[in-house]
Amino acid sequence: MQAALAILPVIALVALGHLARRFRIIAPENWPGVEQLGFRLLFPAILLTSIYRSELSLGALGPYVLGLSVAFAATGLVAILTRRPLRLRNPRFTSMFQGSMRFNSLLVLAVAANGLGPAALSDLAVAMAFLIPVFNISSIIMLALFPPENDHARLTSSRRQTWRRITTEIARNPLVLGCLAGLVLNVTGVTLPDWVLAPLDWLGQGALAVGLLSVGAGIEIRRLWQSDPAMWIGVAMRLAMCPALFLLIAMMLGLPSDQIASGVLLTAAPAASVGFILARQMGGDADFYADMFTWQTVLSALTLSLWLILVGHSAT
């Protein structure tokens, strides 16, 4: 029930973004500027402050982070292997990859705070500090390696040019820069004064809202009801396969019950809205990502609750 209630505000903001565009509260031609605001300012700010405040000492959390990393890596590999059987064009393939790997960190933290307690929040913060930069960099690499088929300049570039472009994209990507800045500040022990942290926190507070509104604005309701095996496979990988893999790995590693619960929450959470903005900016199929993300978010109101109930019963 707590998981379902935490999902409802996310669904509401996605719906509000759709209505705002449909009824021209914000004109369609203005939404690219809204997406740029989230991509270049709001999301980097929340990544920086979240990692800056995290306790990055692995210690006893090594097996926990390892289990999460293996589960996500295996899910990403399955997404890569679906490209040929599903005959996915490059933009749709890169969005499938993003949708299988990303997680809505703010939603995860909200559910953990309501139902799992401060210890789970601390564990999740450490895991996210390592996973978020890796996921953003891997998404950028995939988008650079698999450009749209009509982008002949990128498709015909040499291997050296391709890796130079990947390096350039990573070096100038605001999400990666936000993660790296947070890591540097955390590792070096630099203390940011309140007059610096306050505006960063204010920016971060708007990140989730702007991201979800942008996703909603990109949704066409009629497309959600089309039969699309690729979309449903992406939904299933995120909501069912990834948490099942983590649960199996966690049992093999003998993780404590509280880490199993928080890990299942992280691996069963729907994808993050930032993937839609990155797809839009770098040539992915943003519409496909929006459809997959929306169904993941809606269905996770049920699946998250079921996963947490299952973990709770197995721990007793």
Protein backbone atom coordinates (compact mmCIF):
# COMPACT_ATOMS: atom_id res chain seq x y z
CA MET A 1 0.00 0.00 0.00
CA GLN A 2 2.80 2.43 0.85
CA ALA A 3 4.51 1.66 -2.46
CA ALA A 4 1.27 2.24 -4.36
CA LEU A 5 0.65 5.56 -2.60
CA ALA A 6 4.22 6.72 -3.38
CA ILE A 7 3.64 5.97 -7.09
CA LEU A 8 0.42 7.98 -7.36
CA PRO A 9 2.06 11.45 -7.32
CA VAL A 10 4.38 10.32 -10.14
CA ILE A 11 1.43 9.21 -12.26
CA ALA A 12 -0.38 12.47 -11.47
CA LEU A 13 2.52 14.62 -12.72
CA VAL A 14 2.86 12.58 -15.93
CA ALA A 15 -0.88 13.07 -16.54
CA LEU A 16 -0.61 16.78 -15.77
CA GLY A 17 2.20 17.20 -18.30
CA HIS A 18 0.08 15.49 -20.94
CA LEU A 19 -2.91 17.71 -20.19
CA ALA A 20 -0.76 20.85 -20.12
CA ARG A 21 0.44 20.14 -23.65
CA ARG A 22 -2.89 18.91 -25.00
CA PHE A 23 -4.81 21.96 -23.78
CA ARG A 24 -1.90 24.29 -24.65
CA ILE A 25 -1.35 25.49 -21.09
CA ILE A 26 2.23 25.25 -22.31
CA ALA A 27 2.35 25.38 -26.09
CA PRO A 28 3.93 22.35 -27.83
CA GLU A 29 6.72 24.48 -29.31
CA ASN A 30 7.80 25.54 -25.80
CA TRP A 31 8.36 22.04 -24.40
CA PRO A 32 11.88 21.64 -25.87
CA GLY A 33 12.94 24.56 -23.67
CA VAL A 34 11.41 22.86 -20.62
CA GLU A 35 13.34 19.68 -21.45
CA GLN A 36 16.57 21.66 -21.78
CA LEU A 37 15.99 23.22 -18.37
CA GLY A 38 15.72 19.78 -16.77
CA PHE A 39 18.62 18.30 -18.72
CA ARG A 40 21.13 21.12 -18.24
CA LEU A 41 20.28 22.50 -14.79
CA LEU A 42 17.78 20.62 -12.64
CA PHE A 43 18.89 17.00 -12.96
CA PRO A 44 22.62 17.80 -12.68
CA ALA A 45 21.88 19.76 -9.49
CA ILE A 46 20.06 16.91 -7.77
CA LEU A 47 22.71 14.38 -8.81
CA LEU A 48 25.47 16.62 -7.45
CA THR A 49 23.82 17.23 -4.08
CA SER A 50 22.70 13.60 -3.63
CA ILE A 51 26.17 12.19 -4.22
CA TYR A 52 27.83 15.00 -2.26
CA ARG A 53 25.80 14.06 0.83
CA SER A 54 26.22 10.27 0.45
CA GLU A 55 28.40 8.12 2.68
CA LEU A 56 30.58 6.42 0.05
CA SER A 57 32.46 4.00 2.28
CA LEU A 58 31.52 0.54 0.98
CA GLY A 59 32.61 -1.54 3.97
CA ALA A 60 29.90 -4.13 4.61
CA LEU A 61 27.95 -2.80 1.62
CA GLY A 62 30.37 -4.31 -0.91
CA PRO A 63 28.30 -7.49 -1.52
CA TYR A 64 25.11 -5.40 -1.61
CA VAL A 65 26.43 -3.07 -4.31
CA LEU A 66 27.90 -6.07 -6.16
CA GLY A 67 24.53 -7.84 -6.19
CA LEU A 68 22.79 -4.74 -7.53
CA SER A 69 25.48 -4.19 -10.17
CA VAL A 70 25.28 -7.78 -11.44
CA ALA A 71 21.47 -7.70 -11.60
CA PHE A 72 21.43 -4.44 -13.57
CA ALA A 73 24.30 -5.55 -15.84
CA ALA A 74 22.51 -8.80 -16.67
CA THR A 75 19.30 -6.91 -17.44
CA GLY A 76 21.20 -4.51 -19.69
CA LEU A 77 22.81 -7.45 -21.48
CA VAL A 78 19.40 -9.00 -22.13
CA ALA A 79 18.24 -5.65 -23.54
CA ILE A 80 21.23 -5.67 -25.91
CA LEU A 81 20.44 -9.25 -26.99
CA THR A 82 16.86 -8.28 -27.91
CA ARG A 83 18.03 -5.99 -30.70
CA ARG A 84 18.22 -8.61 -33.46
CA PRO A 85 15.25 -10.84 -32.51
CA LEU A 86 12.95 -7.81 -32.18
CA ARG A 87 14.51 -6.09 -35.23
CA LEU A 88 14.89 -2.86 -33.32
CA ARG A 89 16.15 0.19 -35.17
CA ASN A 90 18.91 2.07 -33.39
CA PRO A 91 16.81 4.81 -31.71
CA ARG A 92 14.35 2.24 -30.32
CA PHE A 93 17.18 -0.09 -29.28
CA THR A 94 18.98 2.59 -27.28
CA SER A 95 15.72 3.58 -25.58
CA MET A 96 15.08 -0.09 -24.75
CA PHE A 97 18.55 -0.22 -23.17
CA GLN A 98 17.91 2.92 -21.13
CA GLY A 99 14.48 1.71 -20.03
CA SER A 100 15.90 -1.59 -18.80
CA MET A 101 18.72 -0.03 -16.76
CA ARG A 102 17.51 3.26 -15.30
CA PHE A 103 15.57 3.63 -12.06
CA ASN A 104 13.58 6.50 -10.58
CA SER A 105 15.87 7.33 -7.66
CA LEU A 106 13.55 9.91 -6.10
CA LEU A 107 10.67 7.46 -6.12
CA VAL A 108 12.89 4.79 -4.57
CA LEU A 109 14.02 7.13 -1.80
CA ALA A 110 10.44 8.24 -1.12
CA VAL A 111 9.20 4.66 -0.77
CA ALA A 112 12.21 3.68 1.36
CA ALA A 113 11.69 6.63 3.68
CA ASN A 114 8.03 5.72 4.16
CA GLY A 115 8.43 1.98 4.61
CA LEU A 116 12.00 0.79 5.14
CA GLY A 117 13.61 3.29 7.51
CA PRO A 118 16.87 5.30 7.74
CA ALA A 119 19.22 2.31 7.41
CA ALA A 120 17.74 1.48 4.01
CA LEU A 121 18.05 5.10 2.94
CA SER A 122 21.75 5.09 3.82
CA ASP A 123 22.40 1.85 1.93
CA LEU A 124 20.51 3.09 -1.12
CA ALA A 125 22.39 6.39 -1.16
CA VAL A 126 25.73 4.57 -1.31
CA ALA A 127 24.52 2.26 -4.08
CA MET A 128 23.10 5.15 -6.11
CA ALA A 129 26.32 7.14 -5.80
CA PHE A 130 28.07 4.34 -7.71
CA LEU A 131 25.27 3.25 -10.06
CA ILE A 132 23.97 6.61 -11.32
CA PRO A 133 27.25 7.76 -12.95
CA VAL A 134 27.78 4.31 -14.48
CA PHE A 135 24.26 4.20 -15.92
CA ASN A 136 24.50 7.69 -17.38
CA ILE A 137 27.87 7.02 -19.00
CA SER A 138 26.75 3.64 -20.37
CA SER A 139 23.59 5.24 -21.84
CA ILE A 140 25.66 7.95 -23.54
CA ILE A 141 28.01 5.32 -24.97
CA MET A 142 25.11 3.29 -26.39
CA LEU A 143 23.48 6.38 -27.90
CA ALA A 144 26.79 7.38 -29.49
CA LEU A 145 27.55 3.87 -30.81
CA PHE A 146 24.06 3.39 -32.26
CA PRO A 147 22.99 6.70 -33.84
CA PRO A 148 19.79 7.01 -35.92
CA GLU A 149 20.06 5.19 -39.24
CA ASN A 150 19.48 8.43 -41.15
CA ASP A 151 22.48 10.10 -39.47
CA HIS A 152 24.95 9.10 -42.17
CA ALA A 153 27.81 11.23 -40.85
CA ARG A 154 27.81 9.40 -37.51
CA LEU A 155 27.21 5.98 -39.05
CA THR A 156 30.16 6.23 -41.45
CA SER A 157 32.65 7.70 -38.98
CA SER A 158 35.83 5.78 -38.18
CA ARG A 159 36.40 3.96 -34.90
CA ARG A 160 38.68 6.77 -33.71
CA GLN A 161 36.06 9.38 -34.58
CA THR A 162 33.38 7.34 -32.82
CA TRP A 163 35.33 7.07 -29.57
CA ARG A 164 36.31 10.72 -29.79
CA ARG A 165 32.63 11.57 -30.09
CA ILE A 166 31.78 9.32 -27.12
CA THR A 167 34.49 10.98 -25.02
CA THR A 168 33.26 14.40 -26.04
CA GLU A 169 29.64 13.53 -25.25
CA ILE A 170 30.58 12.19 -21.82
CA ALA A 171 32.83 15.16 -21.05
CA ARG A 172 30.13 17.72 -21.84
CA ASN A 173 27.08 15.81 -20.64
CA PRO A 174 25.47 17.76 -17.75
CA LEU A 175 24.31 14.59 -15.97
CA VAL A 176 27.78 13.07 -15.93
CA LEU A 177 29.34 16.38 -14.90
CA GLY A 178 26.87 16.63 -12.02
CA CYS A 179 27.78 13.11 -10.84
CA LEU A 180 31.51 13.73 -11.15
CA ALA A 181 31.28 17.04 -9.30
CA GLY A 182 29.41 15.34 -6.45
CA LEU A 183 31.98 12.53 -6.28
CA VAL A 184 34.93 14.94 -6.26
CA LEU A 185 33.39 17.06 -3.51
CA ASN A 186 32.54 13.96 -1.48
CA VAL A 187 35.93 12.27 -1.81
CA THR A 188 37.95 15.44 -1.17
CA GLY A 189 35.86 16.36 1.87
CA VAL A 190 35.15 19.87 0.63
CA THR A 191 32.32 21.50 2.56
CA LEU A 192 29.99 23.62 0.46
CA PRO A 193 28.67 26.73 2.21
CA ASP A 194 24.93 27.13 2.68
CA TRP A 195 24.74 29.92 0.11
CA VAL A 196 25.98 27.41 -2.51
CA LEU A 197 23.97 24.39 -1.34
CA ALA A 198 20.68 26.26 -1.01
CA PRO A 199 20.29 27.21 -4.71
CA LEU A 200 21.45 23.71 -5.74
CA ASP A 201 18.79 22.18 -3.50
CA TRP A 202 16.16 24.52 -4.93
CA LEU A 203 17.12 23.47 -8.45
CA GLY A 204 17.04 19.81 -7.47
CA GLN A 205 13.58 20.11 -5.95
CA GLY A 206 12.21 20.95 -9.39
CA ALA A 207 14.00 18.14 -11.23
CA LEU A 208 11.48 15.35 -10.74
CA ALA A 209 8.48 17.58 -11.50
CA VAL A 210 9.99 18.98 -14.71
CA GLY A 211 11.14 15.54 -15.84
CA LEU A 212 7.75 13.92 -15.28
CA LEU A 213 5.87 16.82 -16.87
CA SER A 214 8.15 16.49 -19.94
CA VAL A 215 7.41 12.76 -20.16
CA GLY A 216 3.69 13.42 -19.96
CA ALA A 217 3.93 16.08 -22.66
CA GLY A 218 5.55 13.56 -24.99
CA ILE A 219 2.86 10.91 -24.56
CA GLU A 220 0.23 10.24 -27.19
CA ILE A 221 -2.57 8.24 -25.55
CA ARG A 222 -3.52 6.44 -28.77
CA ARG A 223 0.02 5.00 -29.03
CA LEU A 224 -0.22 3.39 -25.58
CA TRP A 225 -2.92 1.02 -26.75
CA GLN A 226 -1.06 -0.26 -29.79
CA SER A 227 0.29 -3.79 -29.58
CA ASP A 228 4.05 -3.41 -29.20
CA PRO A 229 5.96 -6.52 -28.05
CA ALA A 230 9.18 -4.52 -27.64
CA MET A 231 7.54 -2.11 -25.20
CA TRP A 232 6.07 -4.91 -23.09
CA ILE A 233 9.40 -6.72 -23.01
CA GLY A 234 11.02 -3.51 -21.77
CA VAL A 235 8.35 -3.19 -19.08
CA ALA A 236 8.80 -6.81 -18.00
CA MET A 237 12.58 -6.57 -17.85
CA ARG A 238 12.37 -3.57 -15.53
CA LEU A 239 9.54 -4.65 -13.24
CA ALA A 240 10.01 -8.43 -13.11
CA MET A 241 13.32 -9.72 -14.43
CA CYS A 242 15.72 -7.29 -12.75
CA PRO A 243 14.28 -7.69 -9.21
CA ALA A 244 14.06 -11.46 -9.66
CA LEU A 245 17.74 -11.57 -10.64
CA PHE A 246 18.72 -9.44 -7.65
CA LEU A 247 16.68 -11.59 -5.25
CA LEU A 248 18.42 -14.72 -6.53
CA ILE A 249 21.87 -13.11 -6.27
CA ALA A 250 21.10 -11.69 -2.81
CA MET A 251 20.15 -15.13 -1.52
CA MET A 252 23.37 -16.60 -2.96
CA LEU A 253 25.41 -13.83 -1.29
CA GLY A 254 23.54 -14.20 2.01
CA LEU A 255 22.58 -10.53 2.25
CA PRO A 256 20.62 -9.44 5.35
CA SER A 257 16.87 -9.00 4.99
CA ASP A 258 16.94 -5.19 5.14
CA GLN A 259 19.42 -5.00 2.25
CA ILE A 260 17.35 -7.50 0.27
CA ALA A 261 14.26 -5.34 0.75
CA SER A 262 15.95 -2.10 -0.31
CA GLY A 263 17.70 -3.85 -3.22
CA VAL A 264 14.44 -5.31 -4.51
CA LEU A 265 12.88 -1.86 -4.22
CA LEU A 266 15.70 -0.35 -6.30
CA THR A 267 15.69 -3.05 -8.99
CA ALA A 268 11.87 -3.16 -9.25
CA ALA A 269 11.38 0.61 -9.53
CA PRO A 270 10.23 2.10 -12.85
CA ALA A 271 12.70 3.88 -15.11
CA ALA A 272 13.70 7.51 -14.62
CA SER A 273 12.23 10.38 -16.59
CA VAL A 274 15.72 11.71 -17.36
CA GLY A 275 16.09 8.88 -19.91
CA PHE A 276 13.36 10.50 -22.01
CA ILE A 277 15.23 13.81 -22.07
CA LEU A 278 18.56 12.12 -22.90
CA ALA A 279 16.89 10.18 -25.73
CA ARG A 280 15.43 13.40 -27.09
CA GLN A 281 18.80 15.16 -26.92
CA MET A 282 20.96 12.37 -28.42
CA GLY A 283 18.84 10.71 -31.11
CA GLY A 284 17.04 7.96 -29.22
CA ASP A 285 13.35 7.10 -29.64
CA ALA A 286 11.95 9.42 -26.96
CA ASP A 287 8.33 8.52 -27.75
CA PHE A 288 9.03 4.82 -27.26
CA TYR A 289 10.84 5.56 -24.00
CA ALA A 290 7.89 7.68 -22.81
CA ASP A 291 5.42 4.86 -23.56
CA MET A 292 7.58 2.26 -21.81
CA PHE A 293 8.26 4.56 -18.85
CA THR A 294 4.56 5.36 -18.43
CA TRP A 295 3.49 1.72 -18.36
CA GLN A 296 6.34 0.88 -15.99
CA THR A 297 5.24 3.66 -13.65
CA VAL A 298 1.56 2.72 -13.72
CA LEU A 299 2.12 -1.02 -13.27
CA SER A 300 4.78 -0.54 -10.58
CA ALA A 301 2.02 0.65 -8.23
CA LEU A 302 1.05 -3.03 -8.13
CA THR A 303 4.36 -4.80 -8.79
CA LEU A 304 6.38 -2.86 -6.21
CA SER A 305 3.83 -3.71 -3.55
CA LEU A 306 3.90 -7.39 -4.53
CA TRP A 307 7.71 -7.55 -4.48
CA LEU A 308 7.93 -5.91 -1.06
CA ILE A 309 5.22 -8.21 0.32
CA LEU A 310 7.12 -11.23 -1.07
CA VAL A 311 10.38 -10.08 0.54
CA GLY A 312 8.60 -9.39 3.81
CA HIS A 313 7.09 -12.87 3.92
CA SER A 314 10.40 -14.55 3.04
CA ALA A 315 12.14 -12.68 5.88
CA THR A 316 9.68 -13.96 8.52
